[in-house]
Amino acid sequence: MNAPRDVSHDETVISMLKADPDFANEYLAAALEEAELPGGQAALLAALRHIAEAQGMTAVAARAGIPRESLYRALSPTGNPTIKTFLAVVRGAGLHLEVCREPVAA
């Protein structure tokens, strides 16, 4: 009998995103909220990569209008995409960013 295979965090998140595409909204929003924290920018890129992988990197790259290889490079753990690329990938994933004012502390 084979021992159960460990499933990585990345694989688990991608499976969740495939099972519930609307989860991408909450997932990316949470990553954006934490982008200024230590490690937050890397987590934001990882979230966008997970979303793209769940939808298919080739399809997201085509919708974003960028070569697939460029998408992989931009969303890699060492990637540093331009804002233009970041926004194109967000749009290519069928999402959009929204900004709202933070409440002012009294």
C-alpha atoms as a PDB file:
ATOM      1  CA  MET A   1       0.000   0.000   0.000  1.00  0.00           C
ATOM      2  CA  ASN A   2       1.332   3.431  -0.935  1.00  0.00           C
ATOM      3  CA  ALA A   3       1.578   6.111   1.722  1.00  0.00           C
ATOM      4  CA  PRO A   4      -0.620   9.164   1.037  1.00  0.00           C
ATOM      5  CA  ARG A   5       1.217  11.817  -0.900  1.00  0.00           C
ATOM      6  CA  ASP A   6       1.727  15.133   0.825  1.00  0.00           C
ATOM      7  CA  VAL A   7      -0.033  17.957  -0.972  1.00  0.00           C
ATOM      8  CA  SER A   8       1.759  21.292  -1.002  1.00  0.00           C
ATOM      9  CA  HIS A   9       0.153  24.535   0.070  1.00  0.00           C
ATOM     10  CA  ASP A  10       0.355  25.775  -3.524  1.00  0.00           C
ATOM     11  CA  GLU A  11      -1.433  22.685  -4.872  1.00  0.00           C
ATOM     12  CA  THR A  12      -4.122  22.981  -2.205  1.00  0.00           C
ATOM     13  CA  VAL A  13      -4.819  26.648  -2.969  1.00  0.00           C
ATOM     14  CA  ILE A  14      -4.880  25.999  -6.722  1.00  0.00           C
ATOM     15  CA  SER A  15      -7.364  23.160  -6.184  1.00  0.00           C
ATOM     16  CA  MET A  16      -9.560  25.445  -4.082  1.00  0.00           C
ATOM     17  CA  LEU A  17      -9.455  28.122  -6.792  1.00  0.00           C
ATOM     18  CA  LYS A  18     -10.373  25.570  -9.466  1.00  0.00           C
ATOM     19  CA  ALA A  19     -13.283  24.296  -7.369  1.00  0.00           C
ATOM     20  CA  ASP A  20     -14.570  27.791  -6.556  1.00  0.00           C
ATOM     21  CA  PRO A  21     -13.487  30.468  -9.056  1.00  0.00           C
ATOM     22  CA  ASP A  22     -15.197  33.175  -6.968  1.00  0.00           C
ATOM     23  CA  PHE A  23     -12.670  32.424  -4.212  1.00  0.00           C
ATOM     24  CA  ALA A  24     -10.128  34.304  -6.377  1.00  0.00           C
ATOM     25  CA  ASN A  25     -11.840  37.588  -5.460  1.00  0.00           C
ATOM     26  CA  GLU A  26     -11.408  37.069  -1.727  1.00  0.00           C
ATOM     27  CA  TYR A  27      -7.953  35.553  -2.073  1.00  0.00           C
ATOM     28  CA  LEU A  28      -6.496  38.414  -4.120  1.00  0.00           C
ATOM     29  CA  ALA A  29      -8.245  41.037  -1.951  1.00  0.00           C
ATOM     30  CA  ALA A  30      -6.729  39.530   1.204  1.00  0.00           C
ATOM     31  CA  ALA A  31      -3.291  39.434  -0.412  1.00  0.00           C
ATOM     32  CA  LEU A  32      -3.628  43.090  -1.448  1.00  0.00           C
ATOM     33  CA  GLU A  33      -4.590  44.106   2.093  1.00  0.00           C
ATOM     34  CA  GLU A  34      -1.417  42.497   3.424  1.00  0.00           C
ATOM     35  CA  ALA A  35       0.931  43.658   0.632  1.00  0.00           C
ATOM     36  CA  GLU A  36       2.621  46.247   2.883  1.00  0.00           C
ATOM     37  CA  LEU A  37       3.451  43.712   5.600  1.00  0.00           C
ATOM     38  CA  PRO A  38       6.799  41.909   5.626  1.00  0.00           C
ATOM     39  CA  GLY A  39       6.660  39.296   2.870  1.00  0.00           C
ATOM     40  CA  GLY A  40       3.383  40.726   1.639  1.00  0.00           C
ATOM     41  CA  GLN A  41       4.529  41.585  -1.864  1.00  0.00           C
ATOM     42  CA  ALA A  42       5.834  38.050  -2.408  1.00  0.00           C
ATOM     43  CA  ALA A  43       2.523  36.697  -1.071  1.00  0.00           C
ATOM     44  CA  LEU A  44       0.606  38.969  -3.468  1.00  0.00           C
ATOM     45  CA  LEU A  45       2.593  37.637  -6.427  1.00  0.00           C
ATOM     46  CA  ALA A  46       2.055  34.079  -5.199  1.00  0.00           C
ATOM     47  CA  ALA A  47      -1.704  34.700  -4.956  1.00  0.00           C
ATOM     48  CA  LEU A  48      -1.824  36.031  -8.504  1.00  0.00           C
ATOM     49  CA  ARG A  49       0.287  33.070  -9.679  1.00  0.00           C
ATOM     50  CA  HIS A  50      -2.091  30.619  -7.960  1.00  0.00           C
ATOM     51  CA  ILE A  51      -5.074  32.267  -9.640  1.00  0.00           C
ATOM     52  CA  ALA A  52      -3.366  32.137 -13.042  1.00  0.00           C
ATOM     53  CA  GLU A  53      -2.375  28.499 -12.549  1.00  0.00           C
ATOM     54  CA  ALA A  54      -5.922  27.581 -11.543  1.00  0.00           C
ATOM     55  CA  GLN A  55      -7.296  29.189 -14.711  1.00  0.00           C
ATOM     56  CA  GLY A  56      -4.449  27.938 -16.909  1.00  0.00           C
ATOM     57  CA  MET A  57      -1.326  30.011 -17.442  1.00  0.00           C
ATOM     58  CA  THR A  58      -1.621  29.837 -21.237  1.00  0.00           C
ATOM     59  CA  ALA A  59      -5.216  31.117 -21.187  1.00  0.00           C
ATOM     60  CA  VAL A  60      -4.463  33.927 -18.716  1.00  0.00           C
ATOM     61  CA  ALA A  61      -1.380  34.974 -20.706  1.00  0.00           C
ATOM     62  CA  ALA A  62      -3.430  35.101 -23.906  1.00  0.00           C
ATOM     63  CA  ARG A  63      -6.186  37.172 -22.279  1.00  0.00           C
ATOM     64  CA  ALA A  64      -3.542  39.452 -20.725  1.00  0.00           C
ATOM     65  CA  GLY A  65      -1.843  39.904 -24.093  1.00  0.00           C
ATOM     66  CA  ILE A  66       1.572  38.778 -22.893  1.00  0.00           C
ATOM     67  CA  PRO A  67       3.705  35.767 -23.853  1.00  0.00           C
ATOM     68  CA  ARG A  68       3.247  32.763 -21.565  1.00  0.00           C
ATOM     69  CA  GLU A  69       6.968  32.673 -20.760  1.00  0.00           C
ATOM     70  CA  SER A  70       6.809  36.312 -19.673  1.00  0.00           C
ATOM     71  CA  LEU A  71       3.872  35.486 -17.399  1.00  0.00           C
ATOM     72  CA  TYR A  72       5.784  32.649 -15.744  1.00  0.00           C
ATOM     73  CA  ARG A  73       8.811  34.914 -15.280  1.00  0.00           C
ATOM     74  CA  ALA A  74       6.772  37.849 -13.916  1.00  0.00           C
ATOM     75  CA  LEU A  75       4.905  35.682 -11.401  1.00  0.00           C
ATOM     76  CA  SER A  76       7.876  33.578 -10.318  1.00  0.00           C
ATOM     77  CA  PRO A  77       9.030  33.843  -6.691  1.00  0.00           C
ATOM     78  CA  THR A  78      11.844  36.119  -7.912  1.00  0.00           C
ATOM     79  CA  GLY A  79       9.594  38.004 -10.340  1.00  0.00           C
ATOM     80  CA  ASN A  80       9.180  41.741 -10.220  1.00  0.00           C
ATOM     81  CA  PRO A  81       6.433  42.581 -12.711  1.00  0.00           C
ATOM     82  CA  THR A  82       5.799  46.103 -13.867  1.00  0.00           C
ATOM     83  CA  ILE A  83       2.487  47.641 -12.869  1.00  0.00           C
ATOM     84  CA  LYS A  84       1.438  47.290 -16.523  1.00  0.00           C
ATOM     85  CA  THR A  85       2.087  43.533 -16.435  1.00  0.00           C
ATOM     86  CA  PHE A  86       0.482  43.153 -13.002  1.00  0.00           C
ATOM     87  CA  LEU A  87      -2.711  44.915 -14.138  1.00  0.00           C
ATOM     88  CA  ALA A  88      -2.779  42.958 -17.414  1.00  0.00           C
ATOM     89  CA  VAL A  89      -2.589  39.674 -15.483  1.00  0.00           C
ATOM     90  CA  VAL A  90      -5.320  40.787 -13.075  1.00  0.00           C
ATOM     91  CA  ARG A  91      -7.546  41.632 -16.059  1.00  0.00           C
ATOM     92  CA  GLY A  92      -6.498  38.438 -17.837  1.00  0.00           C
ATOM     93  CA  ALA A  93      -7.670  36.492 -14.791  1.00  0.00           C
ATOM     94  CA  GLY A  94     -11.069  38.189 -15.060  1.00  0.00           C
ATOM     95  CA  LEU A  95     -10.549  40.351 -11.983  1.00  0.00           C
ATOM     96  CA  HIS A  96     -10.192  44.067 -11.281  1.00  0.00           C
ATOM     97  CA  LEU A  97      -8.736  46.092  -8.469  1.00  0.00           C
ATOM     98  CA  GLU A  98     -10.807  48.407  -6.347  1.00  0.00           C
ATOM     99  CA  VAL A  99      -9.609  51.182  -4.084  1.00  0.00           C
ATOM    100  CA  CYS A 100     -11.455  52.595  -1.111  1.00  0.00           C
ATOM    101  CA  ARG A 101     -10.546  55.120   1.528  1.00  0.00           C
ATOM    102  CA  GLU A 102      -9.472  53.785   4.909  1.00  0.00           C
ATOM    103  CA  PRO A 103     -11.416  55.061   7.892  1.00  0.00           C
ATOM    104  CA  VAL A 104      -9.632  57.892   9.674  1.00  0.00           C
ATOM    105  CA  ALA A 105      -8.716  57.088  13.253  1.00  0.00           C
ATOM    106  CA  ALA A 106     -10.499  59.347  15.749  1.00  0.00           C
END
